[in-house]
PDB file of N, CA and C in Angstrom:
ATOM      1  N   MET A   1      -3.048-144.749 145.560  1.00  0.00           N
ATOM      2  CA  MET A   1      -2.110-144.502 144.501  1.00  0.00           C
ATOM      3  C   MET A   1      -1.096-143.011 144.625  1.00  0.00           C
ATOM      4  N   PRO A   2      -0.085-143.251 144.302  1.00  0.00           N
ATOM      5  CA  PRO A   2       0.827-142.059 144.236  1.00  0.00           C
ATOM      6  C   PRO A   2       0.515-141.036 143.344  1.00  0.00           C
ATOM      7  N   PHE A   3       0.724-139.708 143.644  1.00  0.00           N
ATOM      8  CA  PHE A   3       0.538-138.624 142.928  1.00  0.00           C
ATOM      9  C   PHE A   3       1.411-138.819 141.343  1.00  0.00           C
ATOM     10  N   TYR A   4       2.568-139.225 141.355  1.00  0.00           N
ATOM     11  CA  TYR A   4       3.248-139.081 140.050  1.00  0.00           C
ATOM     12  C   TYR A   4       2.732-140.260 139.355  1.00  0.00           C
ATOM     13  N   ARG A   5       2.137-141.359 139.971  1.00  0.00           N
ATOM     14  CA  ARG A   5       1.642-142.381 138.841  1.00  0.00           C
ATOM     15  C   ARG A   5       0.173-142.084 138.074  1.00  0.00           C
ATOM     16  N   SER A   6      -0.546-141.533 138.840  1.00  0.00           N
ATOM     17  CA  SER A   6      -1.894-140.964 138.287  1.00  0.00           C
ATOM     18  C   SER A   6      -1.710-140.134 137.070  1.00  0.00           C
ATOM     19  N   TYR A   7      -0.430-139.043 137.066  1.00  0.00           N
ATOM     20  CA  TYR A   7      -0.383-138.293 135.935  1.00  0.00           C
ATOM     21  C   TYR A   7       0.489-138.756 135.022  1.00  0.00           C
ATOM     22  N   GLY A   8       1.352-139.796 134.894  1.00  0.00           N
ATOM     23  CA  GLY A   8       2.193-140.395 134.161  1.00  0.00           C
ATOM     24  C   GLY A   8       3.603-139.571 134.096  1.00  0.00           C
ATOM     25  N   TYR A   9       3.993-139.449 135.355  1.00  0.00           N
ATOM     26  CA  TYR A   9       5.215-138.863 135.673  1.00  0.00           C
ATOM     27  C   TYR A   9       6.446-139.688 135.369  1.00  0.00           C
ATOM     28  N   ARG A  10       7.080-139.233 134.496  1.00  0.00           N
ATOM     29  CA  ARG A  10       8.465-139.773 134.105  1.00  0.00           C
ATOM     30  C   ARG A  10       9.579-139.375 134.896  1.00  0.00           C
ATOM     31  N   THR A  11      10.377-140.299 135.226  1.00  0.00           N
ATOM     32  CA  THR A  11      11.721-139.631 135.916  1.00  0.00           C
ATOM     33  C   THR A  11      12.815-139.051 134.832  1.00  0.00           C
ATOM     34  N   PRO A  12      13.422-137.862 134.794  1.00  0.00           N
ATOM     35  CA  PRO A  12      14.324-137.373 133.939  1.00  0.00           C
ATOM     36  C   PRO A  12      15.345-138.757 133.471  1.00  0.00           C
ATOM     37  N   SER A  13      15.669-138.318 132.133  1.00  0.00           N
ATOM     38  CA  SER A  13      16.854-139.254 131.483  1.00  0.00           C
ATOM     39  C   SER A  13      17.949-139.064 131.742  1.00  0.00           C
ATOM     40  N   SER A  14      18.766-140.087 132.528  1.00  0.00           N
ATOM     41  CA  SER A  14      19.994-140.132 132.906  1.00  0.00           C
ATOM     42  C   SER A  14      21.222-140.311 131.784  1.00  0.00           C
ATOM     43  N   SER A  15      20.605-139.964 130.452  1.00  0.00           N
ATOM     44  CA  SER A  15      21.610-140.178 129.417  1.00  0.00           C
ATOM     45  C   SER A  15      22.477-138.991 129.461  1.00  0.00           C
ATOM     46  N   ILE A  16      23.709-139.058 128.713  1.00  0.00           N
ATOM     47  CA  ILE A  16      24.777-138.122 128.844  1.00  0.00           C
ATOM     48  C   ILE A  16      24.209-136.951 127.772  1.00  0.00           C
ATOM     49  N   TRP A  17      23.287-137.478 126.876  1.00  0.00           N
ATOM     50  CA  TRP A  17      22.854-136.601 125.623  1.00  0.00           C
ATOM     51  C   TRP A  17      21.716-135.882 125.867  1.00  0.00           C
ATOM     52  N   GLN A  18      21.045-136.177 127.179  1.00  0.00           N
ATOM     53  CA  GLN A  18      20.061-135.285 127.638  1.00  0.00           C
ATOM     54  C   GLN A  18      20.365-134.246 128.725  1.00  0.00           C
ATOM     55  N   GLN A  19      21.430-134.653 129.121  1.00  0.00           N
ATOM     56  CA  GLN A  19      22.061-133.599 130.405  1.00  0.00           C
ATOM     57  C   GLN A  19      22.639-132.309 129.679  1.00  0.00           C
ATOM     58  N   PRO A  20      22.037-131.199 130.662  1.00  0.00           N
ATOM     59  CA  PRO A  20      22.300-129.810 129.838  1.00  0.00           C
ATOM     60  C   PRO A  20      23.978-129.752 129.943  1.00  0.00           C
ATOM     61  N   SER A  21      24.348-129.098 129.082  1.00  0.00           N
ATOM     62  CA  SER A  21      25.833-128.711 129.004  1.00  0.00           C
ATOM     63  C   SER A  21      26.990-129.879 129.028  1.00  0.00           C
ATOM     64  N   THR A  22      26.218-130.976 128.288  1.00  0.00           N
ATOM     65  CA  THR A  22      27.300-131.792 127.981  1.00  0.00           C
ATOM     66  C   THR A  22      27.655-132.047 126.727  1.00  0.00           C
ATOM     67  N   THR A  23      26.786-131.639 125.716  1.00  0.00           N
ATOM     68  CA  THR A  23      26.778-131.989 124.138  1.00  0.00           C
ATOM     69  C   THR A  23      27.050-130.379 123.475  1.00  0.00           C
ATOM     70  N   LEU A  24      27.903-130.404 122.499  1.00  0.00           N
ATOM     71  CA  LEU A  24      27.968-129.591 121.329  1.00  0.00           C
ATOM     72  C   LEU A  24      27.826-129.690 120.105  1.00  0.00           C
ATOM     73  N   SER A  25      27.595-128.959 119.185  1.00  0.00           N
ATOM     74  CA  SER A  25      27.383-129.158 117.824  1.00  0.00           C
ATOM     75  C   SER A  25      28.892-129.663 117.239  1.00  0.00           C
ATOM     76  N   LEU A  26      29.001-130.433 116.370  1.00  0.00           N
ATOM     77  CA  LEU A  26      30.273-130.671 115.818  1.00  0.00           C
ATOM     78  C   LEU A  26      31.072-129.574 115.470  1.00  0.00           C
ATOM     79  N   LYS A  27      30.567-128.766 114.914  1.00  0.00           N
ATOM     80  CA  LYS A  27      31.166-127.386 114.532  1.00  0.00           C
ATOM     81  C   LYS A  27      31.709-126.741 115.461  1.00  0.00           C
ATOM     82  N   SER A  28      30.765-126.401 116.508  1.00  0.00           N
ATOM     83  CA  SER A  28      31.158-125.629 117.865  1.00  0.00           C
ATOM     84  C   SER A  28      32.307-126.237 118.597  1.00  0.00           C
ATOM     85  N   ALA A  29      32.275-127.944 118.728  1.00  0.00           N
ATOM     86  CA  ALA A  29      33.213-128.364 119.612  1.00  0.00           C
ATOM     87  C   ALA A  29      34.579-128.299 118.565  1.00  0.00           C
ATOM     88  N   CYS A  30      34.641-128.275 117.345  1.00  0.00           N
ATOM     89  CA  CYS A  30      35.935-128.212 116.653  1.00  0.00           C
ATOM     90  C   CYS A  30      36.734-126.721 116.818  1.00  0.00           C
ATOM     91  N   ALA A  31      35.681-125.820 116.677  1.00  0.00           N
ATOM     92  CA  ALA A  31      35.986-124.195 116.886  1.00  0.00           C
ATOM     93  C   ALA A  31      36.721-124.194 118.626  1.00  0.00           C
ATOM     94  N   LYS A  32      35.800-124.695 119.402  1.00  0.00           N
ATOM     95  CA  LYS A  32      36.323-124.539 120.837  1.00  0.00           C
ATOM     96  C   LYS A  32      37.626-125.054 120.876  1.00  0.00           C
ATOM     97  N   TYR A  33      37.721-126.580 120.377  1.00  0.00           N
ATOM     98  CA  TYR A  33      39.022-127.401 120.891  1.00  0.00           C
ATOM     99  C   TYR A  33      40.023-127.278 120.018  1.00  0.00           C
ATOM    100  N   ASN A  34      39.910-126.555 118.659  1.00  0.00           N
ATOM    101  CA  ASN A  34      40.878-126.361 117.926  1.00  0.00           C
ATOM    102  C   ASN A  34      41.311-127.677 117.128  1.00  0.00           C
ATOM    103  N   VAL A  35      40.281-128.470 116.855  1.00  0.00           N
ATOM    104  CA  VAL A  35      40.478-129.819 115.938  1.00  0.00           C
ATOM    105  C   VAL A  35      39.577-129.849 114.561  1.00  0.00           C
ATOM    106  N   THR A  36      39.875-130.582 113.708  1.00  0.00           N
ATOM    107  CA  THR A  36      39.257-130.864 112.489  1.00  0.00           C
ATOM    108  C   THR A  36      38.152-131.775 112.505  1.00  0.00           C
ATOM    109  N   GLU A  37      36.997-131.712 111.754  1.00  0.00           N
ATOM    110  CA  GLU A  37      36.012-132.784 111.510  1.00  0.00           C
ATOM    111  C   GLU A  37      36.495-134.016 111.307  1.00  0.00           C
ATOM    112  N   ALA A  38      37.455-133.894 110.414  1.00  0.00           N
ATOM    113  CA  ALA A  38      38.136-135.072 109.951  1.00  0.00           C
ATOM    114  C   ALA A  38      38.753-135.804 111.179  1.00  0.00           C
ATOM    115  N   GLN A  39      39.602-135.151 112.026  1.00  0.00           N
ATOM    116  CA  GLN A  39      40.085-135.746 113.114  1.00  0.00           C
ATOM    117  C   GLN A  39      39.147-136.513 113.992  1.00  0.00           C
ATOM    118  N   CYS A  40      37.814-135.808 114.247  1.00  0.00           N
ATOM    119  CA  CYS A  40      37.104-136.425 115.095  1.00  0.00           C
ATOM    120  C   CYS A  40      36.326-137.570 114.269  1.00  0.00           C
ATOM    121  N   GLN A  41      36.230-137.328 113.155  1.00  0.00           N
ATOM    122  CA  GLN A  41      35.711-138.640 112.375  1.00  0.00           C
ATOM    123  C   GLN A  41      36.972-139.865 112.389  1.00  0.00           C
ATOM    124  N   LYS A  42      37.976-139.483 112.248  1.00  0.00           N
ATOM    125  CA  LYS A  42      39.071-140.471 112.141  1.00  0.00           C
ATOM    126  C   LYS A  42      39.275-141.184 113.798  1.00  0.00           C
ATOM    127  N   ALA A  43      38.759-140.350 114.728  1.00  0.00           N
ATOM    128  CA  ALA A  43      38.978-140.837 116.103  1.00  0.00           C
ATOM    129  C   ALA A  43      37.556-141.721 116.491  1.00  0.00           C
ATOM    130  N   ASN A  44      36.611-141.759 115.453  1.00  0.00           N
ATOM    131  CA  ASN A  44      35.462-142.164 116.121  1.00  0.00           C
ATOM    132  C   ASN A  44      34.731-141.804 117.084  1.00  0.00           C
ATOM    133  N   ILE A  45      34.800-140.530 117.289  1.00  0.00           N
ATOM    134  CA  ILE A  45      33.952-139.680 118.228  1.00  0.00           C
ATOM    135  C   ILE A  45      32.524-140.095 117.936  1.00  0.00           C
ATOM    136  N   ARG A  46      31.693-140.419 119.201  1.00  0.00           N
ATOM    137  CA  ARG A  46      30.412-140.904 118.954  1.00  0.00           C
ATOM    138  C   ARG A  46      29.646-139.557 118.729  1.00  0.00           C
ATOM    139  N   CYS A  47      28.692-139.601 117.872  1.00  0.00           N
ATOM    140  CA  CYS A  47      27.761-138.403 117.725  1.00  0.00           C
ATOM    141  C   CYS A  47      26.103-138.835 117.491  1.00  0.00           C
ATOM    142  N   GLN A  48      25.378-138.010 117.513  1.00  0.00           N
ATOM    143  CA  GLN A  48      24.183-138.065 117.071  1.00  0.00           C
ATOM    144  C   GLN A  48      23.685-136.904 116.098  1.00  0.00           C
ATOM    145  N   TRP A  49      22.837-137.289 115.234  1.00  0.00           N
ATOM    146  CA  TRP A  49      22.225-136.202 114.610  1.00  0.00           C
ATOM    147  C   TRP A  49      21.176-135.615 114.754  1.00  0.00           C
ATOM    148  N   ARG A  50      20.945-134.312 115.005  1.00  0.00           N
ATOM    149  CA  ARG A  50      19.809-133.623 115.279  1.00  0.00           C
ATOM    150  C   ARG A  50      19.420-132.818 114.113  1.00  0.00           C
ATOM    151  N   SER A  51      18.092-132.146 113.711  1.00  0.00           N
ATOM    152  CA  SER A  51      17.792-131.653 112.851  1.00  0.00           C
ATOM    153  C   SER A  51      16.721-130.330 113.174  1.00  0.00           C
ATOM    154  N   MET A  52      16.993-129.088 112.940  1.00  0.00           N
ATOM    155  CA  MET A  52      16.142-127.699 113.150  1.00  0.00           C
ATOM    156  C   MET A  52      16.132-127.332 112.001  1.00  0.00           C
ATOM    157  N   TYR A  53      14.506-127.118 111.663  1.00  0.00           N
ATOM    158  CA  TYR A  53      13.943-126.396 110.464  1.00  0.00           C
ATOM    159  C   TYR A  53      14.832-127.211 109.195  1.00  0.00           C
ATOM    160  N   GLY A  54      14.728-128.580 109.266  1.00  0.00           N
ATOM    161  CA  GLY A  54      15.028-129.272 108.389  1.00  0.00           C
ATOM    162  C   GLY A  54      16.700-129.359 107.857  1.00  0.00           C
ATOM    163  N   ASN A  55      17.447-128.854 108.696  1.00  0.00           N
ATOM    164  CA  ASN A  55      18.910-128.640 108.453  1.00  0.00           C
ATOM    165  C   ASN A  55      19.763-129.430 109.591  1.00  0.00           C
ATOM    166  N   SER A  56      19.989-130.818 109.013  1.00  0.00           N
ATOM    167  CA  SER A  56      20.805-131.594 110.072  1.00  0.00           C
ATOM    168  C   SER A  56      22.160-131.229 110.484  1.00  0.00           C
ATOM    169  N   TYR A  57      22.494-131.402 111.684  1.00  0.00           N
ATOM    170  CA  TYR A  57      23.715-131.454 112.304  1.00  0.00           C
ATOM    171  C   TYR A  57      24.290-132.354 113.466  1.00  0.00           C
ATOM    172  N   ALA A  58      25.497-132.477 113.667  1.00  0.00           N
ATOM    173  CA  ALA A  58      26.030-133.693 114.393  1.00  0.00           C
ATOM    174  C   ALA A  58      26.124-133.000 115.804  1.00  0.00           C
ATOM    175  N   VAL A  59      25.702-133.832 116.731  1.00  0.00           N
ATOM    176  CA  VAL A  59      26.133-133.229 118.095  1.00  0.00           C
ATOM    177  C   VAL A  59      27.011-134.260 118.694  1.00  0.00           C
ATOM    178  N   VAL A  60      28.268-133.943 119.443  1.00  0.00           N
ATOM    179  CA  VAL A  60      28.831-134.526 120.112  1.00  0.00           C
ATOM    180  C   VAL A  60      28.924-134.471 121.584  1.00  0.00           C
ATOM    181  N   VAL A  61      29.503-135.426 122.002  1.00  0.00           N
ATOM    182  CA  VAL A  61      29.782-135.202 123.607  1.00  0.00           C
ATOM    183  C   VAL A  61      30.981-134.370 123.738  1.00  0.00           C
ATOM    184  N   GLU A  62      31.007-133.252 124.599  1.00  0.00           N
ATOM    185  CA  GLU A  62      32.124-132.391 124.782  1.00  0.00           C
ATOM    186  C   GLU A  62      33.300-133.099 125.420  1.00  0.00           C
ATOM    187  N   ASP A  63      33.019-134.110 126.194  1.00  0.00           N
ATOM    188  CA  ASP A  63      34.269-134.832 126.937  1.00  0.00           C
ATOM    189  C   ASP A  63      34.997-135.489 125.973  1.00  0.00           C
ATOM    190  N   ASP A  64      34.061-136.021 124.738  1.00  0.00           N
ATOM    191  CA  ASP A  64      35.072-136.864 123.889  1.00  0.00           C
ATOM    192  C   ASP A  64      36.037-136.071 123.050  1.00  0.00           C
ATOM    193  N   VAL A  65      35.621-134.820 122.838  1.00  0.00           N
ATOM    194  CA  VAL A  65      36.197-133.911 121.929  1.00  0.00           C
ATOM    195  C   VAL A  65      37.602-133.458 122.946  1.00  0.00           C
ATOM    196  N   ARG A  66      37.460-133.223 124.065  1.00  0.00           N
ATOM    197  CA  ARG A  66      38.348-132.585 125.042  1.00  0.00           C
ATOM    198  C   ARG A  66      39.252-133.701 125.207  1.00  0.00           C
ATOM    199  N   ASP A  67      39.099-135.241 125.068  1.00  0.00           N
ATOM    200  CA  ASP A  67      40.009-136.207 125.260  1.00  0.00           C
ATOM    201  C   ASP A  67      40.756-136.221 124.153  1.00  0.00           C
ATOM    202  N   LEU A  68      39.966-136.142 122.734  1.00  0.00           N
ATOM    203  CA  LEU A  68      40.829-136.270 121.680  1.00  0.00           C
ATOM    204  C   LEU A  68      41.771-135.112 121.553  1.00  0.00           C
ATOM    205  N   LYS A  69      41.421-133.906 122.145  1.00  0.00           N
ATOM    206  CA  LYS A  69      42.528-132.917 121.936  1.00  0.00           C
ATOM    207  C   LYS A  69      43.678-133.065 122.970  1.00  0.00           C
ATOM    208  N   ALA A  70      43.417-133.819 123.952  1.00  0.00           N
ATOM    209  CA  ALA A  70      44.592-133.960 124.900  1.00  0.00           C
ATOM    210  C   ALA A  70      45.419-135.238 124.227  1.00  0.00           C
ATOM    211  N   MET A  71      44.552-135.871 123.867  1.00  0.00           N
ATOM    212  CA  MET A  71      45.515-137.119 123.184  1.00  0.00           C
ATOM    213  C   MET A  71      46.434-136.484 121.897  1.00  0.00           C
ATOM    214  N   LEU A  72      45.831-135.641 120.950  1.00  0.00           N
ATOM    215  CA  LEU A  72      46.607-134.954 119.708  1.00  0.00           C
ATOM    216  C   LEU A  72      47.844-134.270 120.601  1.00  0.00           C
ATOM    217  N   VAL A  73      47.375-133.396 121.566  1.00  0.00           N
ATOM    218  CA  VAL A  73      48.655-132.443 122.191  1.00  0.00           C
ATOM    219  C   VAL A  73      49.570-133.513 122.537  1.00  0.00           C
ATOM    220  N   ALA A  74      49.312-134.487 123.173  1.00  0.00           N
ATOM    221  CA  ALA A  74      50.266-135.565 123.892  1.00  0.00           C
ATOM    222  C   ALA A  74      51.051-136.183 122.739  1.00  0.00           C
ATOM    223  N   LYS A  75      50.428-136.593 121.670  1.00  0.00           N
ATOM    224  CA  LYS A  75      51.114-137.386 120.781  1.00  0.00           C
ATOM    225  C   LYS A  75      52.034-136.282 119.844  1.00  0.00           C
ATOM    226  N   ALA A  76      51.708-135.051 119.905  1.00  0.00           N
ATOM    227  CA  ALA A  76      52.639-133.777 119.202  1.00  0.00           C
ATOM    228  C   ALA A  76      53.922-133.526 120.148  1.00  0.00           C
ATOM    229  N   THR A  77      53.459-133.769 121.403  1.00  0.00           N
ATOM    230  CA  THR A  77      54.881-133.495 122.390  1.00  0.00           C
ATOM    231  C   THR A  77      55.571-134.712 122.332  1.00  0.00           C
ATOM    232  N   ASN A  78      55.166-135.831 122.203  1.00  0.00           N
ATOM    233  CA  ASN A  78      56.106-136.994 121.941  1.00  0.00           C
ATOM    234  C   ASN A  78      56.703-137.078 120.997  1.00  0.00           C
ATOM    235  N   GLU A  79      56.206-136.618 119.839  1.00  0.00           N
ATOM    236  CA  GLU A  79      56.919-136.533 118.609  1.00  0.00           C
ATOM    237  C   GLU A  79      57.971-135.626 118.527  1.00  0.00           C
ATOM    238  N   LYS A  80      57.662-134.369 119.086  1.00  0.00           N
ATOM    239  CA  LYS A  80      58.586-133.297 119.258  1.00  0.00           C
ATOM    240  C   LYS A  80      59.954-133.659 120.417  1.00  0.00           C
ATOM    241  N   GLN A  81      59.528-134.539 121.183  1.00  0.00           N
ATOM    242  CA  GLN A  81      60.621-135.031 122.068  1.00  0.00           C
ATOM    243  C   GLN A  81      61.392-136.095 121.354  1.00  0.00           C
ATOM    244  N   GLU A  82      60.896-136.914 120.719  1.00  0.00           N
ATOM    245  CA  GLU A  82      61.545-137.942 119.879  1.00  0.00           C
ATOM    246  C   GLU A  82      62.354-137.287 118.816  1.00  0.00           C
ATOM    247  N   LYS A  83      62.071-136.263 118.205  1.00  0.00           N
ATOM    248  CA  LYS A  83      62.696-135.752 117.130  1.00  0.00           C
ATOM    249  C   LYS A  83      63.946-134.948 117.840  1.00  0.00           C
ATOM    250  N   LEU A  84      63.929-134.275 118.966  1.00  0.00           N
ATOM    251  CA  LEU A  84      65.073-133.638 119.702  1.00  0.00           C
ATOM    252  C   LEU A  84      65.887-134.493 120.213  1.00  0.00           C
ATOM    253  N   LYS A  85      65.310-135.751 120.635  1.00  0.00           N
ATOM    254  CA  LYS A  85      66.234-136.765 121.015  1.00  0.00           C
ATOM    255  C   LYS A  85      67.208-137.216 119.975  1.00  0.00           C
ATOM    256  N   GLY A  86      66.474-137.442 118.866  1.00  0.00           N
ATOM    257  CA  GLY A  86      67.221-137.807 117.727  1.00  0.00           C
ATOM    258  C   GLY A  86      68.356-137.119 116.930  1.00  0.00           C
ATOM    259  N   LYS A  87      68.070-135.726 117.278  1.00  0.00           N
ATOM    260  CA  LYS A  87      68.839-134.747 116.956  1.00  0.00           C
ATOM    261  C   LYS A  87      70.110-134.309 117.796  1.00  0.00           C
ATOM    262  N   LEU A  88      69.691-134.306 119.292  1.00  0.00           N
ATOM    263  CA  LEU A  88      70.693-134.001 120.388  1.00  0.00           C
ATOM    264  C   LEU A  88      71.283-135.399 120.879  1.00  0.00           C
ATOM    265  N   GLY A  89      70.561-136.476 120.781  1.00  0.00           N
ATOM    266  CA  GLY A  89      71.022-137.344 121.611  1.00  0.00           C
ATOM    267  C   GLY A  89      70.385-137.613 122.867  1.00  0.00           C
ATOM    268  N   GLU A  90      70.294-138.895 123.418  1.00  0.00           N
ATOM    269  CA  GLU A  90      69.645-138.999 124.796  1.00  0.00           C
ATOM    270  C   GLU A  90      70.346-138.027 125.851  1.00  0.00           C
ATOM    271  N   LYS A  91      71.414-137.827 126.003  1.00  0.00           N
ATOM    272  CA  LYS A  91      72.196-137.085 127.000  1.00  0.00           C
ATOM    273  C   LYS A  91      72.090-135.532 126.660  1.00  0.00           C
ATOM    274  N   GLY A  92      72.215-135.333 125.478  1.00  0.00           N
ATOM    275  CA  GLY A  92      71.949-133.891 125.251  1.00  0.00           C
ATOM    276  C   GLY A  92      70.395-133.411 125.550  1.00  0.00           C
ATOM    277  N   TYR A  93      69.457-134.390 124.929  1.00  0.00           N
ATOM    278  CA  TYR A  93      68.240-133.907 125.324  1.00  0.00           C
ATOM    279  C   TYR A  93      68.068-133.819 126.788  1.00  0.00           C
ATOM    280  N   GLU A  94      68.610-134.673 127.801  1.00  0.00           N
ATOM    281  CA  GLU A  94      68.139-134.349 129.305  1.00  0.00           C
ATOM    282  C   GLU A  94      68.951-133.061 129.749  1.00  0.00           C
ATOM    283  N   ILE A  95      70.118-132.809 129.467  1.00  0.00           N
ATOM    284  CA  ILE A  95      70.833-131.503 129.480  1.00  0.00           C
ATOM    285  C   ILE A  95      69.869-130.294 128.991  1.00  0.00           C
ATOM    286  N   ARG A  96      69.588-130.459 127.890  1.00  0.00           N
ATOM    287  CA  ARG A  96      68.416-129.135 127.452  1.00  0.00           C
ATOM    288  C   ARG A  96      67.262-128.843 128.457  1.00  0.00           C
ATOM    289  N   THR A  97      66.945-130.056 128.794  1.00  0.00           N
ATOM    290  CA  THR A  97      65.428-129.935 129.570  1.00  0.00           C
ATOM    291  C   THR A  97      65.831-129.340 130.976  1.00  0.00           C
ATOM    292  N   VAL A  98      67.137-129.774 131.647  1.00  0.00           N
ATOM    293  CA  VAL A  98      67.450-129.436 132.683  1.00  0.00           C
ATOM    294  C   VAL A  98      67.788-127.591 132.444  1.00  0.00           C
ATOM    295  N   LEU A  99      68.430-127.121 131.754  1.00  0.00           N
ATOM    296  CA  LEU A  99      68.827-125.983 131.308  1.00  0.00           C
ATOM    297  C   LEU A  99      67.502-125.144 130.990  1.00  0.00           C
ATOM    298  N   GLU A 100      66.237-125.539 130.402  1.00  0.00           N
ATOM    299  CA  GLU A 100      65.092-125.077 130.305  1.00  0.00           C
ATOM    300  C   GLU A 100      64.308-124.748 131.462  1.00  0.00           C
ATOM    301  N   GLU A 101      64.365-125.930 132.338  1.00  0.00           N
ATOM    302  CA  GLU A 101      63.717-125.628 133.885  1.00  0.00           C
ATOM    303  C   GLU A 101      64.562-124.814 134.454  1.00  0.00           C
ATOM    304  N   ALA A 102      65.776-124.631 134.550  1.00  0.00           N
ATOM    305  CA  ALA A 102      66.446-123.556 135.308  1.00  0.00           C
ATOM    306  C   ALA A 102      66.417-122.210 134.843  1.00  0.00           C
ATOM    307  N   SER A 103      66.036-122.085 133.449  1.00  0.00           N
ATOM    308  CA  SER A 103      65.936-120.826 133.010  1.00  0.00           C
ATOM    309  C   SER A 103      64.409-120.198 133.025  1.00  0.00           C
ATOM    310  N   ARG A 104      63.449-121.073 133.402  1.00  0.00           N
ATOM    311  CA  ARG A 104      62.051-120.618 133.522  1.00  0.00           C
ATOM    312  C   ARG A 104      62.235-119.715 134.817  1.00  0.00           C
ATOM    313  N   PRO A 105      61.482-118.535 134.869  1.00  0.00           N
ATOM    314  CA  PRO A 105      60.995-117.832 135.950  1.00  0.00           C
ATOM    315  C   PRO A 105      60.396-118.516 137.110  1.00  0.00           C
ATOM    316  N   LYS A 106      60.777-118.264 138.234  1.00  0.00           N
ATOM    317  CA  LYS A 106      59.863-118.917 139.299  1.00  0.00           C
ATOM    318  C   LYS A 106      58.597-118.230 139.794  1.00  0.00           C
ATOM    319  N   ASP A 107      57.653-118.976 139.902  1.00  0.00           N
ATOM    320  CA  ASP A 107      56.334-118.023 140.438  1.00  0.00           C
ATOM    321  C   ASP A 107      56.656-117.898 141.934  1.00  0.00           C
ATOM    322  N   PRO A 108      56.603-116.678 142.385  1.00  0.00           N
ATOM    323  CA  PRO A 108      56.803-116.238 143.616  1.00  0.00           C
ATOM    324  C   PRO A 108      55.596-116.892 144.710  1.00  0.00           C
ATOM    325  N   PHE A 109      54.447-117.105 144.205  1.00  0.00           N
ATOM    326  CA  PHE A 109      53.444-117.632 144.931  1.00  0.00           C
ATOM    327  C   PHE A 109      53.524-119.162 145.080  1.00  0.00           C
ATOM    328  N   LEU A 110      54.095-119.770 144.217  1.00  0.00           N
ATOM    329  CA  LEU A 110      54.420-121.383 144.467  1.00  0.00           C
ATOM    330  C   LEU A 110      55.525-121.540 145.518  1.00  0.00           C
ATOM    331  N   ALA A 111      56.674-120.660 145.222  1.00  0.00           N
ATOM    332  CA  ALA A 111      57.905-120.698 146.323  1.00  0.00           C
ATOM    333  C   ALA A 111      57.641-121.025 147.456  1.00  0.00           C
ATOM    334  N   LYS A 112      58.254-122.197 148.049  1.00  0.00           N
ATOM    335  CA  LYS A 112      57.894-122.333 149.444  1.00  0.00           C
ATOM    336  C   LYS A 112      59.076-121.295 150.295  1.00  0.00           C
ATOM    337  N   ASP A 113      58.761-121.129 151.692  1.00  0.00           N
ATOM    338  CA  ASP A 113      59.340-120.084 152.348  1.00  0.00           C
ATOM    339  C   ASP A 113      60.408-120.823 153.204  1.00  0.00           C
TER     340      ASP A 113
END
């Protein structure tokens, strides 16, 4: 009989909830990624409830909150672009983006020789 069977050895859980550094409390995740709890709830971010000394708190997967933040930033950027396109027109928006790209300082480390 193998050693691990006689002492009831169990393999570690591969669940994302049990892996170190993959979860945060909801409040910590909201503070880290600058989102609100309401936005997390609206996006149906999966969570588990844990308790310490009788106080319950929600635990979320950090990747889910990071993806939510990326989605919110992309949505805000698209709305900003659409607003500018409505204000300047399609051609004016293209001219503005070209001028902004030209006026940005070039990074000397990324410049090709």
